[in-house]
């Protein structure tokens, strides 16, 4: 049936965290070719957090040096579309009953949009494509508060502080 669009969110905070770790991953683009190992240096974690509840709406792990506007737009799309569980391949690893992003566990949050996107002054966040995309899709505005002043985006800053306290 038709998709109902709702604006249950007032303020959403977008930010990036640099993970202080390096990784080797197996890259396999084409299953007919042998996989190759790729060294990832300090990946970036882009996150959208709802400011009233602190709920994580979407995240995106970026393995290149800096995220770009397309990464930000992909994150915004992930926040709006209903979240899908990943196929877990590690033996014994499973989702807890009821676990998931708001867009998958709360019916009213499916395809939900917001009024204001709070950003910092990261270049990818300031791109005109991001601003026009947010306006076109959500009808909302982008608020790029003062540089070096994270207090408006406290939920996402608190999340990153928690990640740092646990070693990343």
C-alpha atoms as a PDB file:
ATOM      1  CA  UNK A   1       0.000   0.000   0.000  1.00  0.00           C
ATOM      2  CA  UNK A   2       0.971   3.670   0.067  1.00  0.00           C
ATOM      3  CA  UNK A   3       3.777   4.801   2.341  1.00  0.00           C
ATOM      4  CA  UNK A   4       2.765   7.267   5.060  1.00  0.00           C
ATOM      5  CA  UNK A   5       5.366   9.926   5.754  1.00  0.00           C
ATOM      6  CA  UNK A   6       5.459  11.348   9.284  1.00  0.00           C
ATOM      7  CA  UNK A   7       7.617  13.939  11.040  1.00  0.00           C
ATOM      8  CA  UNK A   8       7.957  12.521  14.540  1.00  0.00           C
ATOM      9  CA  UNK A   9      11.455  13.915  14.936  1.00  0.00           C
ATOM     10  CA  UNK A  10      12.166  17.555  15.673  1.00  0.00           C
ATOM     11  CA  UNK A  11      15.971  17.671  15.776  1.00  0.00           C
ATOM     12  CA  UNK A  12      18.442  15.148  14.358  1.00  0.00           C
ATOM     13  CA  UNK A  13      22.200  15.449  14.928  1.00  0.00           C
ATOM     14  CA  UNK A  14      24.748  14.323  12.333  1.00  0.00           C
ATOM     15  CA  UNK A  15      28.395  13.849  13.182  1.00  0.00           C
ATOM     16  CA  UNK A  16      31.472  11.836  12.351  1.00  0.00           C
ATOM     17  CA  UNK A  17      33.780   9.898  14.653  1.00  0.00           C
ATOM     18  CA  UNK A  18      37.232   8.754  13.630  1.00  0.00           C
ATOM     19  CA  UNK A  19      37.803   5.243  14.975  1.00  0.00           C
ATOM     20  CA  UNK A  20      41.308   5.011  16.409  1.00  0.00           C
ATOM     21  CA  UNK A  21      42.081   1.571  15.029  1.00  0.00           C
ATOM     22  CA  UNK A  22      43.454  -0.041  11.889  1.00  0.00           C
ATOM     23  CA  UNK A  23      42.030  -3.145  10.238  1.00  0.00           C
ATOM     24  CA  UNK A  24      42.814  -5.740   7.622  1.00  0.00           C
ATOM     25  CA  UNK A  25      39.730  -6.786   5.665  1.00  0.00           C
ATOM     26  CA  UNK A  26      39.260  -9.236   2.855  1.00  0.00           C
ATOM     27  CA  UNK A  27      37.960  -7.456  -0.226  1.00  0.00           C
ATOM     28  CA  UNK A  28      35.995  -9.604  -2.628  1.00  0.00           C
ATOM     29  CA  UNK A  29      34.261  -7.570  -5.343  1.00  0.00           C
ATOM     30  CA  UNK A  30      33.841 -10.423  -7.771  1.00  0.00           C
ATOM     31  CA  UNK A  31      33.523 -13.997  -6.556  1.00  0.00           C
ATOM     32  CA  UNK A  32      35.207 -15.266  -9.736  1.00  0.00           C
ATOM     33  CA  UNK A  33      38.463 -13.546  -8.745  1.00  0.00           C
ATOM     34  CA  UNK A  34      40.585 -14.251  -5.671  1.00  0.00           C
ATOM     35  CA  UNK A  35      39.978 -11.942  -2.719  1.00  0.00           C
ATOM     36  CA  UNK A  36      42.698  -9.488  -1.714  1.00  0.00           C
ATOM     37  CA  UNK A  37      43.542  -8.091   1.677  1.00  0.00           C
ATOM     38  CA  UNK A  38      43.012  -4.381   2.223  1.00  0.00           C
ATOM     39  CA  UNK A  39      44.462  -2.328   5.093  1.00  0.00           C
ATOM     40  CA  UNK A  40      41.979   0.191   6.531  1.00  0.00           C
ATOM     41  CA  UNK A  41      43.424   3.107   8.499  1.00  0.00           C
ATOM     42  CA  UNK A  42      41.184   4.894  11.021  1.00  0.00           C
ATOM     43  CA  UNK A  43      37.736   4.420   9.447  1.00  0.00           C
ATOM     44  CA  UNK A  44      35.059   7.054   9.940  1.00  0.00           C
ATOM     45  CA  UNK A  45      31.719   6.412  11.616  1.00  0.00           C
ATOM     46  CA  UNK A  46      28.915   8.696  10.420  1.00  0.00           C
ATOM     47  CA  UNK A  47      25.908   8.718  12.730  1.00  0.00           C
ATOM     48  CA  UNK A  48      22.449  10.316  12.823  1.00  0.00           C
ATOM     49  CA  UNK A  49      21.008  10.585  16.339  1.00  0.00           C
ATOM     50  CA  UNK A  50      17.580  11.841  17.384  1.00  0.00           C
ATOM     51  CA  UNK A  51      18.101  14.635  19.922  1.00  0.00           C
ATOM     52  CA  UNK A  52      15.121  14.132  22.236  1.00  0.00           C
ATOM     53  CA  UNK A  53      15.686  10.449  22.985  1.00  0.00           C
ATOM     54  CA  UNK A  54      19.280   9.866  21.878  1.00  0.00           C
ATOM     55  CA  UNK A  55      18.099   7.042  19.606  1.00  0.00           C
ATOM     56  CA  UNK A  56      20.514   6.133  16.825  1.00  0.00           C
ATOM     57  CA  UNK A  57      18.587   6.418  13.556  1.00  0.00           C
ATOM     58  CA  UNK A  58      21.352   5.346  11.188  1.00  0.00           C
ATOM     59  CA  UNK A  59      25.089   4.824  10.971  1.00  0.00           C
ATOM     60  CA  UNK A  60      27.542   4.349   8.136  1.00  0.00           C
ATOM     61  CA  UNK A  61      31.105   3.104   8.369  1.00  0.00           C
ATOM     62  CA  UNK A  62      33.274   4.912   5.800  1.00  0.00           C
ATOM     63  CA  UNK A  63      36.607   3.270   5.049  1.00  0.00           C
ATOM     64  CA  UNK A  64      38.146   6.024   2.936  1.00  0.00           C
ATOM     65  CA  UNK A  65      40.123   8.962   4.296  1.00  0.00           C
ATOM     66  CA  UNK A  66      37.220  11.429   4.347  1.00  0.00           C
ATOM     67  CA  UNK A  67      33.498  10.921   3.784  1.00  0.00           C
ATOM     68  CA  UNK A  68      31.909  12.904   0.961  1.00  0.00           C
ATOM     69  CA  UNK A  69      28.449  14.305   0.281  1.00  0.00           C
ATOM     70  CA  UNK A  70      27.293  10.997  -1.238  1.00  0.00           C
ATOM     71  CA  UNK A  71      28.140   9.202   2.008  1.00  0.00           C
ATOM     72  CA  UNK A  72      26.077  11.764   3.939  1.00  0.00           C
ATOM     73  CA  UNK A  73      23.123  11.417   1.551  1.00  0.00           C
ATOM     74  CA  UNK A  74      23.331   7.608   1.801  1.00  0.00           C
ATOM     75  CA  UNK A  75      23.247   7.916   5.615  1.00  0.00           C
ATOM     76  CA  UNK A  76      20.168  10.149   5.429  1.00  0.00           C
ATOM     77  CA  UNK A  77      18.457   7.598   3.162  1.00  0.00           C
ATOM     78  CA  UNK A  78      19.308   4.827   5.649  1.00  0.00           C
ATOM     79  CA  UNK A  79      17.714   6.861   8.455  1.00  0.00           C
ATOM     80  CA  UNK A  80      14.431   7.276   6.570  1.00  0.00           C
ATOM     81  CA  UNK A  81      13.995   3.777   5.144  1.00  0.00           C
ATOM     82  CA  UNK A  82      13.031   0.942   7.495  1.00  0.00           C
ATOM     83  CA  UNK A  83      16.160  -0.697   8.909  1.00  0.00           C
ATOM     84  CA  UNK A  84      16.866  -4.287   7.895  1.00  0.00           C
ATOM     85  CA  UNK A  85      18.728  -6.761  10.051  1.00  0.00           C
ATOM     86  CA  UNK A  86      22.048  -7.959   8.702  1.00  0.00           C
ATOM     87  CA  UNK A  87      22.628 -11.622   8.149  1.00  0.00           C
ATOM     88  CA  UNK A  88      24.867 -12.601  11.064  1.00  0.00           C
ATOM     89  CA  UNK A  89      27.436 -15.196  10.039  1.00  0.00           C
ATOM     90  CA  UNK A  90      29.400 -15.577  13.283  1.00  0.00           C
ATOM     91  CA  UNK A  91      28.265 -18.749  15.086  1.00  0.00           C
ATOM     92  CA  UNK A  92      26.252 -17.921  18.200  1.00  0.00           C
ATOM     93  CA  UNK A  93      25.850 -14.226  17.352  1.00  0.00           C
ATOM     94  CA  UNK A  94      22.199 -13.199  17.171  1.00  0.00           C
ATOM     95  CA  UNK A  95      19.925 -10.227  17.651  1.00  0.00           C
ATOM     96  CA  UNK A  96      18.097  -9.848  20.959  1.00  0.00           C
ATOM     97  CA  UNK A  97      14.314 -10.018  20.608  1.00  0.00           C
ATOM     98  CA  UNK A  98      12.963  -6.555  19.834  1.00  0.00           C
ATOM     99  CA  UNK A  99      16.400  -5.179  18.882  1.00  0.00           C
ATOM    100  CA  UNK A 100      16.752  -2.803  15.965  1.00  0.00           C
ATOM    101  CA  UNK A 101      16.641   0.789  14.836  1.00  0.00           C
ATOM    102  CA  UNK A 102      13.498   2.856  15.519  1.00  0.00           C
ATOM    103  CA  UNK A 103      12.501   2.585  11.838  1.00  0.00           C
ATOM    104  CA  UNK A 104      12.189  -1.185  12.183  1.00  0.00           C
ATOM    105  CA  UNK A 105      10.760  -1.659  15.680  1.00  0.00           C
ATOM    106  CA  UNK A 106       8.390   1.331  15.948  1.00  0.00           C
ATOM    107  CA  UNK A 107       5.770   1.326  13.204  1.00  0.00           C
ATOM    108  CA  UNK A 108       5.290   5.108  13.375  1.00  0.00           C
ATOM    109  CA  UNK A 109       9.005   5.653  12.692  1.00  0.00           C
ATOM    110  CA  UNK A 110       9.023   3.903   9.312  1.00  0.00           C
ATOM    111  CA  UNK A 111       9.861   6.486   6.659  1.00  0.00           C
ATOM    112  CA  UNK A 112       9.903   9.141   9.390  1.00  0.00           C
ATOM    113  CA  UNK A 113      11.479  12.505   8.637  1.00  0.00           C
ATOM    114  CA  UNK A 114      12.520  15.501  10.724  1.00  0.00           C
ATOM    115  CA  UNK A 115      12.370  19.270  10.948  1.00  0.00           C
ATOM    116  CA  UNK A 116      15.989  20.250  11.619  1.00  0.00           C
ATOM    117  CA  UNK A 117      19.286  18.499  10.841  1.00  0.00           C
ATOM    118  CA  UNK A 118      22.041  19.719  13.164  1.00  0.00           C
ATOM    119  CA  UNK A 119      25.537  19.500  11.678  1.00  0.00           C
ATOM    120  CA  UNK A 120      29.032  20.723  12.394  1.00  0.00           C
ATOM    121  CA  UNK A 121      31.325  22.299   9.840  1.00  0.00           C
ATOM    122  CA  UNK A 122      32.706  19.136   8.225  1.00  0.00           C
ATOM    123  CA  UNK A 123      32.982  19.807   4.496  1.00  0.00           C
ATOM    124  CA  UNK A 124      30.873  16.793   3.468  1.00  0.00           C
ATOM    125  CA  UNK A 125      28.055  17.993   5.734  1.00  0.00           C
ATOM    126  CA  UNK A 126      28.125  21.527   4.293  1.00  0.00           C
ATOM    127  CA  UNK A 127      27.736  20.438   0.660  1.00  0.00           C
ATOM    128  CA  UNK A 128      24.917  22.056  -1.303  1.00  0.00           C
ATOM    129  CA  UNK A 129      23.745  18.577  -2.362  1.00  0.00           C
ATOM    130  CA  UNK A 130      23.213  17.693   1.307  1.00  0.00           C
ATOM    131  CA  UNK A 131      21.280  20.881   2.015  1.00  0.00           C
ATOM    132  CA  UNK A 132      19.087  20.594  -1.075  1.00  0.00           C
ATOM    133  CA  UNK A 133      18.587  16.849  -0.476  1.00  0.00           C
ATOM    134  CA  UNK A 134      17.443  17.411   3.109  1.00  0.00           C
ATOM    135  CA  UNK A 135      15.061  20.164   1.965  1.00  0.00           C
ATOM    136  CA  UNK A 136      13.649  18.093  -0.906  1.00  0.00           C
ATOM    137  CA  UNK A 137      13.184  14.860   1.052  1.00  0.00           C
ATOM    138  CA  UNK A 138      12.236  16.061   4.543  1.00  0.00           C
ATOM    139  CA  UNK A 139      11.064  19.614   3.965  1.00  0.00           C
ATOM    140  CA  UNK A 140      13.325  20.456   6.897  1.00  0.00           C
ATOM    141  CA  UNK A 141      16.295  22.725   7.337  1.00  0.00           C
ATOM    142  CA  UNK A 142      19.995  22.243   7.997  1.00  0.00           C
ATOM    143  CA  UNK A 143      21.476  24.067  10.983  1.00  0.00           C
ATOM    144  CA  UNK A 144      25.259  24.287  10.888  1.00  0.00           C
ATOM    145  CA  UNK A 145      25.904  25.742  14.289  1.00  0.00           C
ATOM    146  CA  UNK A 146      29.098  27.524  15.259  1.00  0.00           C
ATOM    147  CA  UNK A 147      32.350  25.655  14.737  1.00  0.00           C
ATOM    148  CA  UNK A 148      33.940  23.984  17.745  1.00  0.00           C
ATOM    149  CA  UNK A 149      30.628  24.270  19.646  1.00  0.00           C
ATOM    150  CA  UNK A 150      29.263  20.703  19.943  1.00  0.00           C
ATOM    151  CA  UNK A 151      26.689  21.389  22.660  1.00  0.00           C
ATOM    152  CA  UNK A 152      23.706  21.590  20.298  1.00  0.00           C
ATOM    153  CA  UNK A 153      24.563  18.099  19.084  1.00  0.00           C
ATOM    154  CA  UNK A 154      25.042  16.622  22.567  1.00  0.00           C
ATOM    155  CA  UNK A 155      23.356  13.239  21.873  1.00  0.00           C
ATOM    156  CA  UNK A 156      25.759  12.296  19.096  1.00  0.00           C
ATOM    157  CA  UNK A 157      28.722  13.786  20.966  1.00  0.00           C
ATOM    158  CA  UNK A 158      27.751  11.697  24.023  1.00  0.00           C
ATOM    159  CA  UNK A 159      27.621   8.570  21.865  1.00  0.00           C
ATOM    160  CA  UNK A 160      31.104   9.251  20.509  1.00  0.00           C
ATOM    161  CA  UNK A 161      32.421   9.922  24.018  1.00  0.00           C
ATOM    162  CA  UNK A 162      31.061   6.518  25.074  1.00  0.00           C
ATOM    163  CA  UNK A 163      32.760   4.866  22.080  1.00  0.00           C
ATOM    164  CA  UNK A 164      36.053   6.564  22.987  1.00  0.00           C
ATOM    165  CA  UNK A 165      35.783   5.482  26.628  1.00  0.00           C
ATOM    166  CA  UNK A 166      35.592   1.882  25.417  1.00  0.00           C
ATOM    167  CA  UNK A 167      38.759   2.103  23.345  1.00  0.00           C
ATOM    168  CA  UNK A 168      37.808   3.513  19.971  1.00  0.00           C
END
